[in-house]
Each structure stands twice: as structure tokens, then as C-alpha cells.
C-alpha atoms as a PDB file:
ATOM      1  CA  MET A   1     102.496 -30.497-105.318  1.00  0.00           C
ATOM      2  CA  SER A   2     101.806 -28.875-101.964  1.00  0.00           C
ATOM      3  CA  SER A   3     104.687 -27.605 -99.851  1.00  0.00           C
ATOM      4  CA  LEU A   4     105.545 -29.130 -96.502  1.00  0.00           C
ATOM      5  CA  PRO A   5     104.469 -27.345 -93.299  1.00  0.00           C
ATOM      6  CA  VAL A   6     107.248 -25.252 -91.777  1.00  0.00           C
ATOM      7  CA  GLN A   7     105.827 -24.479 -88.317  1.00  0.00           C
ATOM      8  CA  GLN A   8     103.409 -25.732 -85.719  1.00  0.00           C
ATOM      9  CA  ILE A   9     100.001 -24.274 -85.000  1.00  0.00           C
ATOM     10  CA  PRO A  10      99.997 -21.386 -82.470  1.00  0.00           C
ATOM     11  CA  GLY A  11     100.940 -22.345 -78.927  1.00  0.00           C
ATOM     12  CA  ILE A  12      97.573 -21.791 -77.254  1.00  0.00           C
ATOM     13  CA  TYR A  13      95.108 -24.169 -75.639  1.00  0.00           C
ATOM     14  CA  HIS A  14      91.822 -23.381 -73.924  1.00  0.00           C
ATOM     15  CA  ARG A  15      90.498 -25.157 -70.830  1.00  0.00           C
ATOM     16  CA  ARG A  16      87.215 -24.194 -69.174  1.00  0.00           C
ATOM     17  CA  ILE A  17      87.059 -24.179 -65.369  1.00  0.00           C
ATOM     18  CA  GLY A  18      83.402 -23.513 -64.612  1.00  0.00           C
ATOM     19  CA  ASP A  19      82.655 -20.019 -65.897  1.00  0.00           C
ATOM     20  CA  ILE A  20      86.338 -19.132 -66.353  1.00  0.00           C
ATOM     21  CA  VAL A  21      88.239 -20.018 -69.514  1.00  0.00           C
ATOM     22  CA  VAL A  22      91.956 -20.573 -68.928  1.00  0.00           C
ATOM     23  CA  THR A  23      94.191 -20.317 -71.982  1.00  0.00           C
ATOM     24  CA  ALA A  24      97.639 -21.891 -71.842  1.00  0.00           C
ATOM     25  CA  VAL A  25     100.042 -19.659 -73.767  1.00  0.00           C
ATOM     26  CA  SER A  26     103.452 -20.989 -74.780  1.00  0.00           C
ATOM     27  CA  ASP A  27     106.491 -18.749 -74.525  1.00  0.00           C
ATOM     28  CA  GLY A  28     108.649 -21.522 -75.994  1.00  0.00           C
ATOM     29  CA  TYR A  29     111.175 -23.850 -74.417  1.00  0.00           C
ATOM     30  CA  ILE A  30     114.793 -24.273 -73.353  1.00  0.00           C
ATOM     31  CA  ASP A  31     116.907 -27.394 -73.829  1.00  0.00           C
ATOM     32  CA  GLY A  32     119.906 -28.013 -71.609  1.00  0.00           C
ATOM     33  CA  ASN A  33     121.866 -30.276 -69.335  1.00  0.00           C
ATOM     34  CA  LEU A  34     121.114 -31.435 -65.808  1.00  0.00           C
ATOM     35  CA  ASP A  35     123.502 -29.083 -64.014  1.00  0.00           C
ATOM     36  CA  LEU A  36     120.595 -27.071 -62.592  1.00  0.00           C
ATOM     37  CA  LEU A  37     119.405 -30.005 -60.444  1.00  0.00           C
ATOM     38  CA  LYS A  38     120.450 -30.461 -56.804  1.00  0.00           C
ATOM     39  CA  ASN A  39     120.164 -33.351 -54.359  1.00  0.00           C
ATOM     40  CA  VAL A  40     120.098 -36.033 -57.047  1.00  0.00           C
ATOM     41  CA  GLU A  41     122.840 -37.967 -58.835  1.00  0.00           C
ATOM     42  CA  VAL A  42     123.117 -36.819 -62.436  1.00  0.00           C
ATOM     43  CA  GLU A  43     123.100 -40.378 -63.762  1.00  0.00           C
ATOM     44  CA  ARG A  44     119.944 -41.197 -61.849  1.00  0.00           C
ATOM     45  CA  ALA A  45     118.217 -38.088 -63.192  1.00  0.00           C
ATOM     46  CA  ARG A  46     119.387 -38.895 -66.713  1.00  0.00           C
ATOM     47  CA  ALA A  47     118.031 -42.445 -66.401  1.00  0.00           C
ATOM     48  CA  VAL A  48     114.620 -41.074 -65.384  1.00  0.00           C
ATOM     49  CA  LEU A  49     114.562 -38.862 -68.488  1.00  0.00           C
ATOM     50  CA  VAL A  50     115.674 -41.657 -70.815  1.00  0.00           C
ATOM     51  CA  ASN A  51     113.044 -44.004 -69.378  1.00  0.00           C
ATOM     52  CA  ALA A  52     110.460 -41.294 -70.066  1.00  0.00           C
ATOM     53  CA  PHE A  53     111.625 -41.180 -73.720  1.00  0.00           C
ATOM     54  CA  ARG A  54     113.161 -37.722 -73.190  1.00  0.00           C
ATOM     55  CA  PRO A  55     116.897 -37.975 -73.901  1.00  0.00           C
ATOM     56  CA  VAL A  56     117.507 -34.287 -73.135  1.00  0.00           C
ATOM     57  CA  ARG A  57     116.210 -31.914 -70.502  1.00  0.00           C
ATOM     58  CA  ARG A  58     113.541 -29.752 -72.096  1.00  0.00           C
ATOM     59  CA  VAL A  59     111.950 -27.034 -69.979  1.00  0.00           C
ATOM     60  CA  SER A  60     108.696 -25.669 -71.326  1.00  0.00           C
ATOM     61  CA  ILE A  61     107.895 -22.055 -70.530  1.00  0.00           C
ATOM     62  CA  ASN A  62     104.182 -21.411 -70.171  1.00  0.00           C
ATOM     63  CA  ALA A  63     101.925 -18.581 -69.099  1.00  0.00           C
ATOM     64  CA  PHE A  64      98.188 -18.772 -68.480  1.00  0.00           C
ATOM     65  CA  LEU A  65      95.535 -16.276 -69.529  1.00  0.00           C
ATOM     66  CA  LEU A  66      92.320 -16.069 -67.524  1.00  0.00           C
ATOM     67  CA  HIS A  67      89.288 -14.772 -69.399  1.00  0.00           C
ATOM     68  CA  THR A  68      87.353 -13.072 -66.600  1.00  0.00           C
ATOM     69  CA  LYS A  69      84.406 -10.686 -66.426  1.00  0.00           C
ATOM     70  CA  GLU A  70      86.895  -7.990 -65.396  1.00  0.00           C
ATOM     71  CA  GLY A  71      88.987  -8.557 -68.530  1.00  0.00           C
ATOM     72  CA  PRO A  72      91.943 -10.760 -69.517  1.00  0.00           C
ATOM     73  CA  VAL A  73      94.293 -11.571 -66.624  1.00  0.00           C
ATOM     74  CA  LEU A  74      97.714 -13.000 -67.488  1.00  0.00           C
ATOM     75  CA  ILE A  75      99.580 -15.222 -65.044  1.00  0.00           C
ATOM     76  CA  ASP A  76     103.308 -14.720 -65.770  1.00  0.00           C
ATOM     77  CA  THR A  77     104.769 -13.147 -68.897  1.00  0.00           C
ATOM     78  CA  GLY A  78     107.508 -15.494 -70.067  1.00  0.00           C
ATOM     79  CA  THR A  79     111.055 -14.530 -70.953  1.00  0.00           C
ATOM     80  CA  GLY A  80     110.584 -11.558 -73.239  1.00  0.00           C
ATOM     81  CA  GLY A  81     112.916 -13.419 -75.613  1.00  0.00           C
ATOM     82  CA  SER A  82     115.805 -13.030 -73.185  1.00  0.00           C
ATOM     83  CA  MET A  83     116.699 -16.727 -73.139  1.00  0.00           C
ATOM     84  CA  GLY A  84     117.319 -17.471 -76.786  1.00  0.00           C
ATOM     85  CA  ALA A  85     115.537 -18.020 -80.066  1.00  0.00           C
ATOM     86  CA  THR A  86     113.268 -20.769 -78.746  1.00  0.00           C
ATOM     87  CA  THR A  87     111.678 -18.351 -76.249  1.00  0.00           C
ATOM     88  CA  GLY A  88     109.773 -15.083 -76.358  1.00  0.00           C
ATOM     89  CA  TRP A  89     106.643 -16.323 -78.098  1.00  0.00           C
ATOM     90  CA  ILE A  90     104.084 -14.879 -75.659  1.00  0.00           C
ATOM     91  CA  GLY A  91     103.220 -11.874 -77.824  1.00  0.00           C
ATOM     92  CA  ARG A  92     102.474 -13.784 -80.998  1.00  0.00           C
ATOM     93  CA  ASN A  93     100.573 -16.493 -79.127  1.00  0.00           C
ATOM     94  CA  LEU A  94      98.456 -13.955 -77.250  1.00  0.00           C
ATOM     95  CA  ALA A  95      97.624 -12.457 -80.634  1.00  0.00           C
ATOM     96  CA  ALA A  96      96.643 -15.921 -81.871  1.00  0.00           C
ATOM     97  CA  ALA A  97      94.298 -16.114 -78.871  1.00  0.00           C
ATOM     98  CA  GLY A  98      92.734 -12.823 -79.951  1.00  0.00           C
ATOM     99  CA  VAL A  99      94.231 -10.761 -77.121  1.00  0.00           C
ATOM    100  CA  ASP A 100      96.250  -7.566 -77.508  1.00  0.00           C
ATOM    101  CA  ALA A 101      98.756  -6.661 -74.790  1.00  0.00           C
ATOM    102  CA  LYS A 102      96.965  -3.362 -74.184  1.00  0.00           C
ATOM    103  CA  ASP A 103      93.766  -5.261 -73.350  1.00  0.00           C
ATOM    104  CA  VAL A 104      95.328  -7.250 -70.480  1.00  0.00           C
ATOM    105  CA  SER A 105      93.787  -5.843 -67.307  1.00  0.00           C
ATOM    106  CA  ALA A 106      96.188  -7.441 -64.830  1.00  0.00           C
ATOM    107  CA  VAL A 107      99.370  -9.484 -64.680  1.00  0.00           C
ATOM    108  CA  LEU A 108      99.708 -11.939 -61.789  1.00  0.00           C
ATOM    109  CA  LEU A 109     103.238 -13.126 -61.106  1.00  0.00           C
ATOM    110  CA  THR A 110     104.047 -16.462 -59.563  1.00  0.00           C
ATOM    111  CA  HIS A 111     107.475 -14.952 -58.824  1.00  0.00           C
ATOM    112  CA  MET A 112     110.059 -12.604 -60.310  1.00  0.00           C
ATOM    113  CA  HIS A 113     112.545 -14.916 -62.026  1.00  0.00           C
ATOM    114  CA  PRO A 114     113.264 -13.792 -65.619  1.00  0.00           C
ATOM    115  CA  ASP A 115     111.500 -16.723 -67.293  1.00  0.00           C
ATOM    116  CA  HIS A 116     108.311 -15.467 -65.595  1.00  0.00           C
ATOM    117  CA  SER A 117     108.632 -11.696 -65.549  1.00  0.00           C
ATOM    118  CA  ALA A 118     111.037 -10.636 -68.316  1.00  0.00           C
ATOM    119  CA  GLY A 119     108.043 -10.165 -70.602  1.00  0.00           C
ATOM    120  CA  LEU A 120     106.759  -7.267 -68.488  1.00  0.00           C
ATOM    121  CA  THR A 121     108.895  -4.490 -69.959  1.00  0.00           C
ATOM    122  CA  ASP A 122     110.663  -3.766 -73.244  1.00  0.00           C
ATOM    123  CA  THR A 123     114.332  -3.581 -72.225  1.00  0.00           C
ATOM    124  CA  GLY A 124     115.178  -1.435 -75.229  1.00  0.00           C
ATOM    125  CA  THR A 125     112.684   1.337 -74.499  1.00  0.00           C
ATOM    126  CA  GLY A 126     111.858   0.802 -70.830  1.00  0.00           C
ATOM    127  CA  ARG A 127     108.164   0.857 -71.693  1.00  0.00           C
ATOM    128  CA  PRO A 128     105.670  -1.595 -70.190  1.00  0.00           C
ATOM    129  CA  ILE A 129     104.504  -4.265 -72.602  1.00  0.00           C
ATOM    130  CA  PHE A 130     101.126  -4.352 -70.850  1.00  0.00           C
ATOM    131  CA  PRO A 131     100.442  -0.608 -70.582  1.00  0.00           C
ATOM    132  CA  ASN A 132      97.019  -0.877 -68.955  1.00  0.00           C
ATOM    133  CA  ALA A 133      97.673  -3.781 -66.606  1.00  0.00           C
ATOM    134  CA  GLU A 134      97.798  -3.805 -62.841  1.00  0.00           C
ATOM    135  CA  LEU A 135     100.789  -5.803 -61.557  1.00  0.00           C
ATOM    136  CA  VAL A 136      99.840  -8.200 -58.760  1.00  0.00           C
ATOM    137  CA  MET A 137     102.189 -10.401 -56.702  1.00  0.00           C
ATOM    138  CA  HIS A 138     103.034 -11.637 -53.229  1.00  0.00           C
ATOM    139  CA  GLU A 139     104.433  -8.940 -50.960  1.00  0.00           C
ATOM    140  CA  ALA A 140     107.560 -11.015 -50.236  1.00  0.00           C
ATOM    141  CA  GLU A 141     108.726 -10.861 -53.864  1.00  0.00           C
ATOM    142  CA  PRO A 142     109.558  -7.155 -54.211  1.00  0.00           C
ATOM    143  CA  ARG A 143     110.667  -7.083 -50.570  1.00  0.00           C
ATOM    144  CA  TYR A 144     113.357  -9.642 -51.457  1.00  0.00           C
ATOM    145  CA  TRP A 145     114.357  -8.524 -54.959  1.00  0.00           C
ATOM    146  CA  LEU A 146     114.494  -4.816 -54.082  1.00  0.00           C
ATOM    147  CA  ASP A 147     116.585  -5.385 -50.949  1.00  0.00           C
ATOM    148  CA  ASP A 148     120.141  -4.076 -51.485  1.00  0.00           C
ATOM    149  CA  ALA A 149     121.443  -6.286 -48.687  1.00  0.00           C
ATOM    150  CA  GLU A 150     120.088  -9.372 -50.464  1.00  0.00           C
ATOM    151  CA  LEU A 151     121.685  -8.162 -53.708  1.00  0.00           C
ATOM    152  CA  ALA A 152     125.031  -7.786 -51.930  1.00  0.00           C
ATOM    153  CA  ARG A 153     124.748 -11.379 -50.652  1.00  0.00           C
ATOM    154  CA  ALA A 154     124.111 -12.808 -54.140  1.00  0.00           C
ATOM    155  CA  PRO A 155     126.768 -15.489 -54.694  1.00  0.00           C
ATOM    156  CA  ASN A 156     127.679 -14.781 -58.329  1.00  0.00           C
ATOM    157  CA  ASP A 157     127.119 -12.534 -61.339  1.00  0.00           C
ATOM    158  CA  ARG A 158     124.214 -14.639 -62.594  1.00  0.00           C
ATOM    159  CA  ALA A 159     122.380 -14.283 -59.296  1.00  0.00           C
ATOM    160  CA  ARG A 160     123.105 -10.552 -59.171  1.00  0.00           C
ATOM    161  CA  SER A 161     121.759 -10.139 -62.693  1.00  0.00           C
ATOM    162  CA  MET A 162     118.431 -11.585 -61.545  1.00  0.00           C
ATOM    163  CA  PHE A 163     118.112  -8.788 -59.004  1.00  0.00           C
ATOM    164  CA  GLU A 164     118.932  -6.164 -61.633  1.00  0.00           C
ATOM    165  CA  HIS A 165     116.501  -7.694 -64.113  1.00  0.00           C
ATOM    166  CA  SER A 166     113.684  -7.866 -61.583  1.00  0.00           C
ATOM    167  CA  ARG A 167     114.066  -4.237 -60.618  1.00  0.00           C
ATOM    168  CA  ALA A 168     114.042  -3.063 -64.234  1.00  0.00           C
ATOM    169  CA  GLN A 169     111.058  -5.195 -65.205  1.00  0.00           C
ATOM    170  CA  ILE A 170     108.697  -4.031 -62.458  1.00  0.00           C
ATOM    171  CA  ALA A 171     109.774  -0.365 -62.412  1.00  0.00           C
ATOM    172  CA  PRO A 172     107.237   0.904 -65.018  1.00  0.00           C
ATOM    173  CA  TYR A 173     104.400  -0.663 -62.998  1.00  0.00           C
ATOM    174  CA  LYS A 174     105.316   0.988 -59.691  1.00  0.00           C
ATOM    175  CA  SER A 175     102.225   3.212 -59.560  1.00  0.00           C
ATOM    176  CA  ARG A 176      99.862   0.321 -60.304  1.00  0.00           C
ATOM    177  CA  THR A 177     101.278  -2.562 -58.299  1.00  0.00           C
ATOM    178  CA  ARG A 178      99.114  -4.462 -55.814  1.00  0.00           C
ATOM    179  CA  LEU A 179     100.683  -6.765 -53.230  1.00  0.00           C
ATOM    180  CA  PHE A 180      99.052  -9.541 -51.209  1.00  0.00           C
ATOM    181  CA  SER A 181      99.968 -12.062 -48.547  1.00  0.00           C
ATOM    182  CA  GLY A 182      97.360 -14.645 -49.595  1.00  0.00           C
ATOM    183  CA  GLY A 183      93.622 -15.019 -50.043  1.00  0.00           C
ATOM    184  CA  GLU A 184      91.407 -14.145 -52.988  1.00  0.00           C
ATOM    185  CA  VAL A 185      93.131 -11.801 -55.444  1.00  0.00           C
ATOM    186  CA  PHE A 186      90.384 -11.803 -58.095  1.00  0.00           C
ATOM    187  CA  PRO A 187      86.913 -13.348 -58.031  1.00  0.00           C
ATOM    188  CA  GLY A 188      87.468 -17.095 -58.244  1.00  0.00           C
ATOM    189  CA  VAL A 189      91.279 -16.776 -57.975  1.00  0.00           C
ATOM    190  CA  VAL A 190      92.902 -17.543 -54.616  1.00  0.00           C
ATOM    191  CA  ALA A 191      96.619 -17.059 -54.015  1.00  0.00           C
ATOM    192  CA  MET A 192      98.383 -20.058 -52.480  1.00  0.00           C
ATOM    193  CA  PRO A 193     101.874 -19.144 -51.213  1.00  0.00           C
ATOM    194  CA  ILE A 194     104.400 -21.885 -52.057  1.00  0.00           C
ATOM    195  CA  PRO A 195     107.615 -20.395 -50.606  1.00  0.00           C
ATOM    196  CA  GLY A 196     111.156 -21.616 -51.059  1.00  0.00           C
ATOM    197  CA  HIS A 197     111.861 -21.348 -54.750  1.00  0.00           C
ATOM    198  CA  THR A 198     111.629 -17.631 -54.038  1.00  0.00           C
ATOM    199  CA  PRO A 199     110.329 -16.018 -50.851  1.00  0.00           C
ATOM    200  CA  GLY A 200     107.025 -15.012 -52.466  1.00  0.00           C
ATOM    201  CA  HIS A 201     106.598 -17.874 -54.921  1.00  0.00           C
ATOM    202  CA  THR A 202     102.844 -18.334 -55.299  1.00  0.00           C
ATOM    203  CA  GLY A 203     100.387 -20.668 -56.984  1.00  0.00           C
ATOM    204  CA  TYR A 204      96.861 -19.647 -57.968  1.00  0.00           C
ATOM    205  CA  LEU A 205      93.796 -21.795 -57.313  1.00  0.00           C
ATOM    206  CA  ILE A 206      91.100 -21.157 -59.911  1.00  0.00           C
ATOM    207  CA  SER A 207      87.611 -22.114 -58.695  1.00  0.00           C
ATOM    208  CA  SER A 208      84.309 -21.757 -60.526  1.00  0.00           C
ATOM    209  CA  ASP A 209      81.017 -23.641 -60.556  1.00  0.00           C
ATOM    210  CA  GLY A 210      82.396 -26.614 -58.631  1.00  0.00           C
ATOM    211  CA  GLU A 211      85.558 -27.007 -60.742  1.00  0.00           C
ATOM    212  CA  GLU A 212      89.129 -26.250 -59.665  1.00  0.00           C
ATOM    213  CA  LEU A 213      92.573 -25.835 -61.195  1.00  0.00           C
ATOM    214  CA  LEU A 214      95.828 -25.106 -59.366  1.00  0.00           C
ATOM    215  CA  ILE A 215      98.353 -23.181 -61.437  1.00  0.00           C
ATOM    216  CA  TRP A 216     101.368 -24.081 -59.347  1.00  0.00           C
ATOM    217  CA  GLY A 217     104.158 -21.969 -60.835  1.00  0.00           C
ATOM    218  CA  ASP A 218     107.572 -23.584 -60.387  1.00  0.00           C
ATOM    219  CA  VAL A 219     106.803 -26.497 -58.093  1.00  0.00           C
ATOM    220  CA  VAL A 220     108.906 -28.437 -60.630  1.00  0.00           C
ATOM    221  CA  HIS A 221     111.275 -27.441 -63.451  1.00  0.00           C
ATOM    222  CA  VAL A 222     112.168 -30.885 -64.816  1.00  0.00           C
ATOM    223  CA  PRO A 223     108.850 -32.655 -64.287  1.00  0.00           C
ATOM    224  CA  GLU A 224     109.919 -36.221 -65.088  1.00  0.00           C
ATOM    225  CA  VAL A 225     112.666 -36.060 -62.447  1.00  0.00           C
ATOM    226  CA  GLN A 226     111.208 -33.854 -59.710  1.00  0.00           C
ATOM    227  CA  VAL A 227     107.793 -35.487 -59.618  1.00  0.00           C
ATOM    228  CA  ALA A 228     109.296 -38.988 -59.404  1.00  0.00           C
ATOM    229  CA  LEU A 229     112.046 -37.807 -57.030  1.00  0.00           C
ATOM    230  CA  PRO A 230     110.486 -34.886 -55.147  1.00  0.00           C
ATOM    231  CA  ASP A 231     113.532 -34.246 -52.955  1.00  0.00           C
ATOM    232  CA  THR A 232     115.263 -32.979 -56.088  1.00  0.00           C
ATOM    233  CA  GLY A 233     115.607 -29.199 -56.229  1.00  0.00           C
ATOM    234  CA  THR A 234     117.361 -26.681 -58.434  1.00  0.00           C
ATOM    235  CA  ASN A 235     120.197 -24.175 -58.238  1.00  0.00           C
ATOM    236  CA  PHE A 236     117.597 -21.426 -58.608  1.00  0.00           C
ATOM    237  CA  ASP A 237     115.871 -22.191 -55.303  1.00  0.00           C
ATOM    238  CA  VAL A 238     116.461 -19.261 -52.957  1.00  0.00           C
ATOM    239  CA  ASP A 239     115.804 -21.548 -49.979  1.00  0.00           C
ATOM    240  CA  PHE A 240     116.428 -25.128 -51.101  1.00  0.00           C
ATOM    241  CA  GLU A 241     115.041 -26.841 -47.995  1.00  0.00           C
ATOM    242  CA  GLU A 242     111.865 -24.764 -47.879  1.00  0.00           C
ATOM    243  CA  ALA A 243     111.331 -25.337 -51.620  1.00  0.00           C
ATOM    244  CA  ARG A 244     111.731 -29.098 -51.098  1.00  0.00           C
ATOM    245  CA  LYS A 245     109.165 -29.111 -48.304  1.00  0.00           C
ATOM    246  CA  SER A 246     106.757 -26.976 -50.335  1.00  0.00           C
ATOM    247  CA  ARG A 247     107.074 -29.252 -53.363  1.00  0.00           C
ATOM    248  CA  LYS A 248     106.336 -32.386 -51.342  1.00  0.00           C
ATOM    249  CA  ARG A 249     103.426 -30.700 -49.585  1.00  0.00           C
ATOM    250  CA  VAL A 250     101.836 -29.557 -52.859  1.00  0.00           C
ATOM    251  CA  LEU A 251     102.370 -32.910 -54.580  1.00  0.00           C
ATOM    252  CA  ASP A 252     100.763 -34.686 -51.634  1.00  0.00           C
ATOM    253  CA  GLN A 253      97.825 -32.267 -51.638  1.00  0.00           C
ATOM    254  CA  VAL A 254      97.017 -32.453 -55.345  1.00  0.00           C
ATOM    255  CA  ALA A 255      97.415 -36.246 -55.397  1.00  0.00           C
ATOM    256  CA  SER A 256      95.148 -36.654 -52.354  1.00  0.00           C
ATOM    257  CA  ASP A 257      92.533 -34.228 -53.693  1.00  0.00           C
ATOM    258  CA  ARG A 258      92.820 -35.438 -57.317  1.00  0.00           C
ATOM    259  CA  LEU A 259      93.185 -31.773 -58.211  1.00  0.00           C
ATOM    260  CA  LEU A 260      93.912 -30.708 -61.784  1.00  0.00           C
ATOM    261  CA  VAL A 261      97.163 -28.762 -61.986  1.00  0.00           C
ATOM    262  CA  ALA A 262      98.908 -26.599 -64.540  1.00  0.00           C
ATOM    263  CA  GLY A 263     102.520 -25.486 -64.409  1.00  0.00           C
ATOM    264  CA  MET A 264     104.863 -23.039 -66.031  1.00  0.00           C
ATOM    265  CA  HIS A 265     107.352 -25.834 -66.759  1.00  0.00           C
ATOM    266  CA  LEU A 266     105.020 -28.769 -67.347  1.00  0.00           C
ATOM    267  CA  HIS A 267     105.090 -29.794 -70.986  1.00  0.00           C
ATOM    268  CA  PHE A 268     102.690 -27.659 -73.013  1.00  0.00           C
ATOM    269  CA  PRO A 269      99.778 -27.239 -72.692  1.00  0.00           C
ATOM    270  CA  GLY A 270     100.628 -28.074 -69.106  1.00  0.00           C
ATOM    271  CA  PHE A 271      97.433 -29.605 -67.647  1.00  0.00           C
ATOM    272  CA  TYR A 272      98.033 -32.729 -65.545  1.00  0.00           C
ATOM    273  CA  HIS A 273      96.878 -34.905 -62.683  1.00  0.00           C
ATOM    274  CA  VAL A 274      99.312 -36.257 -60.097  1.00  0.00           C
ATOM    275  CA  ALA A 275      99.197 -39.778 -58.655  1.00  0.00           C
ATOM    276  CA  ARG A 276     101.365 -41.441 -56.039  1.00  0.00           C
ATOM    277  CA  GLN A 277     103.890 -43.951 -57.341  1.00  0.00           C
ATOM    278  CA  GLY A 278     106.298 -45.619 -54.918  1.00  0.00           C
ATOM    279  CA  ASP A 279     108.146 -43.007 -52.877  1.00  0.00           C
ATOM    280  CA  GLY A 280     107.310 -40.341 -55.446  1.00  0.00           C
ATOM    281  CA  TYR A 281     104.584 -39.377 -57.854  1.00  0.00           C
ATOM    282  CA  PHE A 282     103.608 -39.712 -61.506  1.00  0.00           C
ATOM    283  CA  LEU A 283     102.152 -37.142 -63.895  1.00  0.00           C
ATOM    284  CA  HIS A 284      99.152 -38.049 -66.014  1.00  0.00           C
ATOM    285  CA  ALA A 285      98.606 -35.607 -68.871  1.00  0.00           C
ATOM    286  CA  GLU A 286      94.960 -34.614 -69.089  1.00  0.00           C
ATOM    287  CA  ALA A 287      93.187 -35.803 -72.225  1.00  0.00           C
ATOM    288  CA  TRP A 288      92.736 -33.093 -74.840  1.00  0.00           C
ATOM    289  CA  GLN A 289      89.553 -31.131 -74.256  1.00  0.00           C
ATOM    290  CA  HIS A 290      87.808 -30.793 -77.618  1.00  0.00           C
ATOM    291  CA  ALA A 291      84.900 -28.654 -76.522  1.00  0.00           C
ATOM    292  CA  LEU A 292      84.519 -25.520 -74.440  1.00  0.00           C
END
């Protein structure tokens, strides 16, 4: 008698955008309550989740690997296992995709929160996990996170720890960091600043051979709630009002343009279309792509 399976298949999924293959790479997930949400009644948010057949808040944590002519480029690095046993899977899933960390030619960050950048550096040794990678991000990110005055204004220990984490994670990459304000950062990859969640929060528009994909970072954290009720923000937004405006602007754009999106906190593998629905929007998961 055969034994029962004990784990899922590796958390990777490939999606071709023209001549560029984008691989969704799961770092895991976090379950929790709704305390992180702002500007929405908890009971209303809970009702949205229940109606979507999701009785608890589950936040997926995704990264995206671009297979380019210049070499593998990783967008975000996940948590580095810093957020519990259900996170920190980037390494094993990259291996399942046939990519070794030393082969990654560049790491693009959407922003420097720990669920996006804590996989940059081994906290035990201080060594970079991607030893040959260039670190690329919006110029406003290090300007904010390395500012001692901003650190002093942090409202609590948790916020202060984010500053300390960010500084430690990017330190080994200091000599090979490239900053931008916008525009094309790699052939076929255009940075789209989406400020508010953090000052330099950035999405990346992938374009090739007439096809496009917007990897939008943290436009939403709890997709069922924030897409339906786009005025809903989170406690992690550095500038809540700017983040709210950015979210509504991006949702309007991708719905109007029927643009395929992928997100770090959309349910894995994270590829969706957005449609208007009432005063908000609705996510349509893209059908599984069987062929590359």
C-alpha cells in the first residue's frame, strides 16, 4: 500500500511574457488576524473574507524570478525565515527552479520591508545570500531607512526594528548597489514608483514582444478586502493617504488597460486580472498556463 503524500509540489510557477520567462517563487505564507488593516471596520473586512470562502487572513509571500539574457534577476527575496516556520522557502524553491543563489545576477527590491528583503543576508554570518548580485532599488528607499532622524521618529519598537533590519540586510551589498528614480532598469523592465506604502515602493512593468505584466509589490496585503474596498490600508503604510491614492490609481489603471498583474501578497502563484465591481474591484485569477 502506497504512503500518503506529506508535502506539496515545489512552490514555483512559470509564466512567459514575450521573450522573458517570469517564475513565481513562493516564500510561504503568514496567517493572522485583521489588526493590520486601517480605515475599515473589522467586521466588514471579516465578512468580505468569509464571503470569499477564506475564514482567516492568509498573506502569501511571493518573489518573482526573471530569466533574462543577462542572467536570472530576482524581484524581492522573501523573509529569510524571519517570520515563522511557514516562511523562508525562497532558497529551496529557487533550487527547484534550477537556480542557485550565486547565479542570481541582480536583486530588484519593491521596497525594504522584512518580508521583501530579509532574504538578502544571512543574519547569523552577515554574508550576502546572493554573493554575485547587484542590488537595485528606488533611491528613496535607502534615503528613508538609513536616515537616523526617521529612525528616531519611529513610533514603537516594531517600527524601529524595521530600520535596524533594513540597514543590516543591505550592508553587504553597499559596493554593488544601484539606485534609480524610475525608467527602464533592465531591458524590458521599467520601474513604476508606487509611493506611500514606503517612500520608494516600486512596481516593475515587464514588457516583451507585445505582452506586459505589472509586478505591483504591495499594492494590497489582504487582496479580498483591499481590492473590494480600496480605501483600506495597513498599519505598515509609511504614508497612509499616499498609499491609498496609489492603490486606487494602480487598480484603476490595470482595470482600464486589462493589464495582467502579479503581486507579492496575491495568492500564489499570484497572476491576476482586475475588473471593476461596484465602488471597488474584483480579482480574477489567471487560468493556469500549461505551456511555455
